[in-house]
N, C-alpha and C. Protein backbone atom coordinates (compact mmCIF):
# COMPACT_ATOMS: atom_id res chain seq x y z
N MET A 1 166.89 164.97 7.25
CA MET A 1 167.53 164.82 8.55
C MET A 1 168.96 164.32 8.33
N ILE A 2 169.91 164.98 8.99
CA ILE A 2 171.30 164.55 8.83
C ILE A 2 171.56 163.31 9.69
N ASP A 3 172.57 162.55 9.29
CA ASP A 3 172.84 161.28 9.96
C ASP A 3 173.17 161.44 11.44
N GLU A 4 173.89 162.50 11.81
CA GLU A 4 174.23 162.70 13.23
C GLU A 4 172.98 162.89 14.07
N GLU A 5 172.04 163.67 13.58
CA GLU A 5 170.79 163.91 14.30
C GLU A 5 170.00 162.61 14.41
N LEU A 6 169.94 161.87 13.33
CA LEU A 6 169.23 160.59 13.34
C LEU A 6 169.87 159.63 14.34
N THR A 7 171.19 159.56 14.32
CA THR A 7 171.91 158.69 15.26
C THR A 7 171.61 159.08 16.70
N GLN A 8 171.59 160.37 16.99
CA GLN A 8 171.28 160.84 18.35
C GLN A 8 169.86 160.45 18.76
N ARG A 9 168.92 160.53 17.84
CA ARG A 9 167.54 160.14 18.14
C ARG A 9 167.44 158.64 18.44
N ILE A 10 168.17 157.84 17.66
CA ILE A 10 168.17 156.39 17.88
C ILE A 10 168.79 156.07 19.24
N LEU A 11 169.92 156.68 19.54
CA LEU A 11 170.59 156.44 20.83
C LEU A 11 169.72 156.86 22.00
N LYS A 12 169.04 157.99 21.88
CA LYS A 12 168.15 158.46 22.94
C LYS A 12 167.08 157.40 23.22
N CYS A 13 166.50 156.85 22.16
CA CYS A 13 165.47 155.81 22.33
C CYS A 13 166.07 154.55 22.94
N ALA A 14 167.26 154.17 22.50
CA ALA A 14 167.90 152.96 23.03
C ALA A 14 168.21 153.11 24.52
N PHE A 15 168.73 154.28 24.92
CA PHE A 15 169.02 154.51 26.33
C PHE A 15 167.74 154.51 27.16
N LYS A 16 166.67 155.05 26.61
CA LYS A 16 165.38 155.07 27.31
C LYS A 16 164.90 153.65 27.56
N VAL A 17 164.96 152.81 26.53
CA VAL A 17 164.52 151.42 26.67
C VAL A 17 165.36 150.70 27.71
N HIS A 18 166.66 150.85 27.63
CA HIS A 18 167.54 150.13 28.57
C HIS A 18 167.36 150.65 29.99
N SER A 19 167.17 151.96 30.14
CA SER A 19 166.96 152.53 31.48
C SER A 19 165.67 152.01 32.11
N GLU A 20 164.64 151.87 31.30
CA GLU A 20 163.35 151.40 31.83
C GLU A 20 163.33 149.90 32.07
N LEU A 21 163.96 149.12 31.20
CA LEU A 21 163.90 147.66 31.32
C LEU A 21 165.05 147.08 32.14
N GLY A 22 166.20 147.74 32.11
CA GLY A 22 167.36 147.21 32.79
C GLY A 22 167.98 146.06 32.01
N PRO A 23 169.05 145.47 32.56
CA PRO A 23 169.74 144.37 31.87
C PRO A 23 169.06 143.03 32.10
N GLY A 24 169.45 142.06 31.26
CA GLY A 24 169.08 140.67 31.51
C GLY A 24 167.93 140.11 30.70
N LEU A 25 167.28 140.94 29.88
CA LEU A 25 166.18 140.42 29.07
C LEU A 25 166.71 139.85 27.75
N LEU A 26 165.84 139.15 27.05
CA LEU A 26 166.20 138.64 25.73
C LEU A 26 166.34 139.79 24.74
N GLU A 27 167.18 139.59 23.74
CA GLU A 27 167.37 140.58 22.69
C GLU A 27 166.04 140.95 22.04
N SER A 28 165.18 139.98 21.84
CA SER A 28 163.90 140.24 21.18
C SER A 28 163.03 141.22 21.97
N ALA A 29 163.13 141.21 23.29
CA ALA A 29 162.36 142.14 24.12
C ALA A 29 162.86 143.57 23.92
N TYR A 30 164.18 143.74 23.94
CA TYR A 30 164.75 145.07 23.70
C TYR A 30 164.41 145.56 22.29
N GLU A 31 164.47 144.64 21.34
CA GLU A 31 164.17 144.99 19.94
C GLU A 31 162.73 145.49 19.79
N ALA A 32 161.79 144.77 20.39
CA ALA A 32 160.38 145.16 20.29
C ALA A 32 160.14 146.53 20.91
N CYS A 33 160.75 146.77 22.06
CA CYS A 33 160.57 148.05 22.74
C CYS A 33 161.27 149.18 21.99
N LEU A 34 162.46 148.94 21.47
CA LEU A 34 163.15 149.97 20.71
C LEU A 34 162.40 150.29 19.43
N TYR A 35 161.87 149.29 18.78
CA TYR A 35 161.04 149.51 17.59
C TYR A 35 159.87 150.42 17.95
N TYR A 36 159.18 150.12 19.03
CA TYR A 36 158.05 150.92 19.49
C TYR A 36 158.47 152.38 19.72
N GLU A 37 159.59 152.59 20.38
CA GLU A 37 160.07 153.95 20.66
C GLU A 37 160.44 154.69 19.38
N LEU A 38 161.13 154.03 18.47
CA LEU A 38 161.56 154.67 17.22
C LEU A 38 160.36 155.05 16.36
N VAL A 39 159.40 154.17 16.25
CA VAL A 39 158.18 154.47 15.48
C VAL A 39 157.43 155.62 16.15
N GLY A 40 157.42 155.62 17.47
CA GLY A 40 156.78 156.70 18.21
C GLY A 40 157.45 158.05 17.98
N GLU A 41 158.72 158.02 17.61
CA GLU A 41 159.46 159.24 17.27
C GLU A 41 159.19 159.68 15.83
N GLY A 42 158.37 158.90 15.13
CA GLY A 42 158.04 159.25 13.75
C GLY A 42 159.05 158.76 12.73
N LEU A 43 159.91 157.83 13.13
CA LEU A 43 160.93 157.32 12.21
C LEU A 43 160.40 156.12 11.43
N ASN A 44 160.89 155.98 10.21
CA ASN A 44 160.58 154.83 9.37
C ASN A 44 161.52 153.70 9.78
N VAL A 45 160.95 152.61 10.29
CA VAL A 45 161.77 151.50 10.80
C VAL A 45 161.26 150.19 10.23
N ILE A 46 162.19 149.39 9.72
CA ILE A 46 161.87 148.03 9.27
C ILE A 46 162.48 147.09 10.30
N ARG A 47 161.65 146.21 10.83
CA ARG A 47 162.10 145.25 11.84
C ARG A 47 162.35 143.89 11.19
N GLN A 48 163.47 143.25 11.57
CA GLN A 48 163.83 141.93 11.05
C GLN A 48 163.86 141.94 9.52
N LYS A 49 164.64 142.87 8.97
CA LYS A 49 164.74 143.05 7.52
C LYS A 49 165.67 141.99 6.92
N PRO A 50 165.15 141.11 6.08
CA PRO A 50 166.02 140.16 5.40
C PRO A 50 167.01 140.91 4.51
N GLN A 51 168.25 140.51 4.55
CA GLN A 51 169.27 141.16 3.73
C GLN A 51 169.92 140.11 2.82
N PRO A 52 169.58 140.16 1.54
CA PRO A 52 170.14 139.15 0.63
C PRO A 52 171.63 139.37 0.38
N LEU A 53 172.28 138.34 -0.02
CA LEU A 53 173.66 138.38 -0.47
C LEU A 53 173.62 138.44 -1.99
N ILE A 54 174.27 139.45 -2.56
CA ILE A 54 174.30 139.58 -4.02
C ILE A 54 175.56 138.88 -4.54
N TYR A 55 175.35 137.90 -5.37
CA TYR A 55 176.46 137.13 -5.94
C TYR A 55 176.23 137.01 -7.44
N HIS A 56 177.11 137.58 -8.23
CA HIS A 56 176.96 137.59 -9.69
C HIS A 56 175.59 138.10 -10.11
N ASP A 57 175.19 139.24 -9.56
CA ASP A 57 173.92 139.90 -9.86
C ASP A 57 172.69 139.07 -9.48
N VAL A 58 172.86 138.07 -8.64
CA VAL A 58 171.74 137.25 -8.18
C VAL A 58 171.57 137.50 -6.68
N LYS A 59 170.32 137.78 -6.27
CA LYS A 59 170.03 137.95 -4.86
C LYS A 59 169.81 136.58 -4.22
N LEU A 60 170.66 136.27 -3.25
CA LEU A 60 170.57 134.97 -2.58
C LEU A 60 170.16 135.15 -1.13
N ASP A 61 169.23 134.34 -0.67
CA ASP A 61 168.84 134.35 0.73
C ASP A 61 169.87 133.51 1.48
N ALA A 62 170.75 134.21 2.20
CA ALA A 62 171.81 133.51 2.93
C ALA A 62 171.57 133.56 4.44
N GLY A 63 170.37 133.97 4.84
CA GLY A 63 170.03 133.97 6.26
C GLY A 63 170.39 135.22 7.02
N TYR A 64 170.83 136.28 6.34
CA TYR A 64 171.15 137.53 7.02
C TYR A 64 169.87 138.31 7.30
N VAL A 65 169.72 138.78 8.54
CA VAL A 65 168.54 139.55 8.94
C VAL A 65 169.00 140.71 9.83
N ILE A 66 168.67 141.92 9.41
CA ILE A 66 169.01 143.12 10.17
C ILE A 66 167.93 143.34 11.23
N ASP A 67 168.34 143.53 12.48
CA ASP A 67 167.36 143.71 13.56
C ASP A 67 166.44 144.89 13.27
N LEU A 68 167.00 146.08 13.12
CA LEU A 68 166.22 147.28 12.81
C LEU A 68 166.96 148.08 11.74
N PHE A 69 166.23 148.51 10.73
CA PHE A 69 166.80 149.33 9.66
C PHE A 69 166.03 150.64 9.68
N VAL A 70 166.70 151.71 10.09
CA VAL A 70 166.04 152.98 10.36
C VAL A 70 166.26 153.96 9.22
N GLU A 71 165.14 154.52 8.74
CA GLU A 71 165.16 155.53 7.68
C GLU A 71 165.94 155.07 6.44
N ASN A 72 165.93 153.78 6.19
CA ASN A 72 166.59 153.18 5.03
C ASN A 72 168.07 153.51 4.94
N LYS A 73 168.70 153.78 6.11
CA LYS A 73 170.14 154.06 6.07
C LYS A 73 170.93 153.67 7.31
N ILE A 74 170.26 153.43 8.43
CA ILE A 74 170.98 153.10 9.66
C ILE A 74 170.66 151.66 10.06
N VAL A 75 171.70 150.84 10.18
CA VAL A 75 171.58 149.46 10.65
C VAL A 75 171.71 149.47 12.17
N VAL A 76 170.69 148.94 12.85
CA VAL A 76 170.75 148.80 14.30
C VAL A 76 170.75 147.31 14.61
N GLU A 77 171.85 146.84 15.16
CA GLU A 77 172.01 145.43 15.52
C GLU A 77 172.07 145.35 17.03
N LEU A 78 171.05 144.75 17.63
CA LEU A 78 170.99 144.67 19.08
C LEU A 78 171.68 143.41 19.59
N LYS A 79 172.27 143.54 20.77
CA LYS A 79 172.90 142.40 21.43
C LYS A 79 172.53 142.44 22.90
N SER A 80 172.17 141.31 23.44
CA SER A 80 171.92 141.17 24.86
C SER A 80 172.91 140.15 25.40
N VAL A 81 174.15 140.62 25.57
CA VAL A 81 175.25 139.76 25.98
C VAL A 81 176.03 140.44 27.09
N GLU A 82 176.84 139.65 27.79
CA GLU A 82 177.67 140.20 28.85
C GLU A 82 178.78 141.09 28.28
N ALA A 83 179.32 140.70 27.13
CA ALA A 83 180.39 141.48 26.50
C ALA A 83 180.35 141.25 24.99
N LEU A 84 180.68 142.30 24.26
CA LEU A 84 180.78 142.17 22.81
C LEU A 84 182.10 141.50 22.47
N ASN A 85 182.09 140.70 21.41
CA ASN A 85 183.35 140.11 20.97
C ASN A 85 183.49 140.26 19.45
N ASP A 86 184.55 139.73 18.90
CA ASP A 86 184.87 139.94 17.49
C ASP A 86 183.78 139.45 16.53
N VAL A 87 183.09 138.39 16.88
CA VAL A 87 182.05 137.87 15.99
C VAL A 87 180.89 138.87 15.87
N HIS A 88 180.61 139.60 16.93
CA HIS A 88 179.56 140.62 16.87
C HIS A 88 179.97 141.77 15.94
N LEU A 89 181.21 142.19 16.04
CA LEU A 89 181.73 143.23 15.16
C LEU A 89 181.70 142.75 13.70
N ALA A 90 182.11 141.53 13.47
CA ALA A 90 182.11 140.97 12.12
C ALA A 90 180.70 140.94 11.54
N GLN A 91 179.71 140.63 12.37
CA GLN A 91 178.33 140.59 11.90
C GLN A 91 177.88 141.97 11.43
N VAL A 92 178.17 143.00 12.20
CA VAL A 92 177.78 144.36 11.82
C VAL A 92 178.52 144.80 10.56
N ILE A 93 179.79 144.50 10.46
CA ILE A 93 180.56 144.86 9.26
C ILE A 93 179.97 144.17 8.03
N THR A 94 179.56 142.93 8.17
CA THR A 94 178.93 142.21 7.07
C THR A 94 177.65 142.91 6.62
N TYR A 95 176.81 143.30 7.59
CA TYR A 95 175.57 144.00 7.25
C TYR A 95 175.85 145.32 6.55
N LEU A 96 176.87 146.04 7.01
CA LEU A 96 177.22 147.31 6.37
C LEU A 96 177.68 147.08 4.94
N LYS A 97 178.46 146.04 4.71
CA LYS A 97 178.90 145.72 3.35
C LYS A 97 177.72 145.35 2.46
N LEU A 98 176.82 144.53 2.98
CA LEU A 98 175.68 144.06 2.19
C LEU A 98 174.70 145.18 1.84
N THR A 99 174.62 146.19 2.72
CA THR A 99 173.69 147.30 2.48
C THR A 99 174.36 148.50 1.82
N ASN A 100 175.66 148.36 1.54
CA ASN A 100 176.43 149.47 0.97
C ASN A 100 176.44 150.68 1.88
C-alpha cells in the first residue's frame, strides 16, 4: 500500500470518529475510537507505542509515547485542544526524528 492511500484511509477514519463524537471529549476517547476504526479497516496499529531516545547506541526511555503508529510507518498524534500551537508541532517533529 502506498503512503498516500494509507494516509487517506487514516484520515477517513479520523473524520468518521470526529463526525460521530463531535468536539469536546478527552484525547483518550478519540484515540480509542480511532484505534477501533483503523483496526476495523484491517490496518496494523500500535497504540501508545513507547519511543526510546537513542543516545550513543543506547536506547533510553525518555517518556516519549506515540499515540498511534500505523503500518509501522505513520505516526498519528491526536490532540483535543482548541488550537494547535508550536509545542504540538515540536512534539510531532520529535517523534518523526526518533522514528526516522
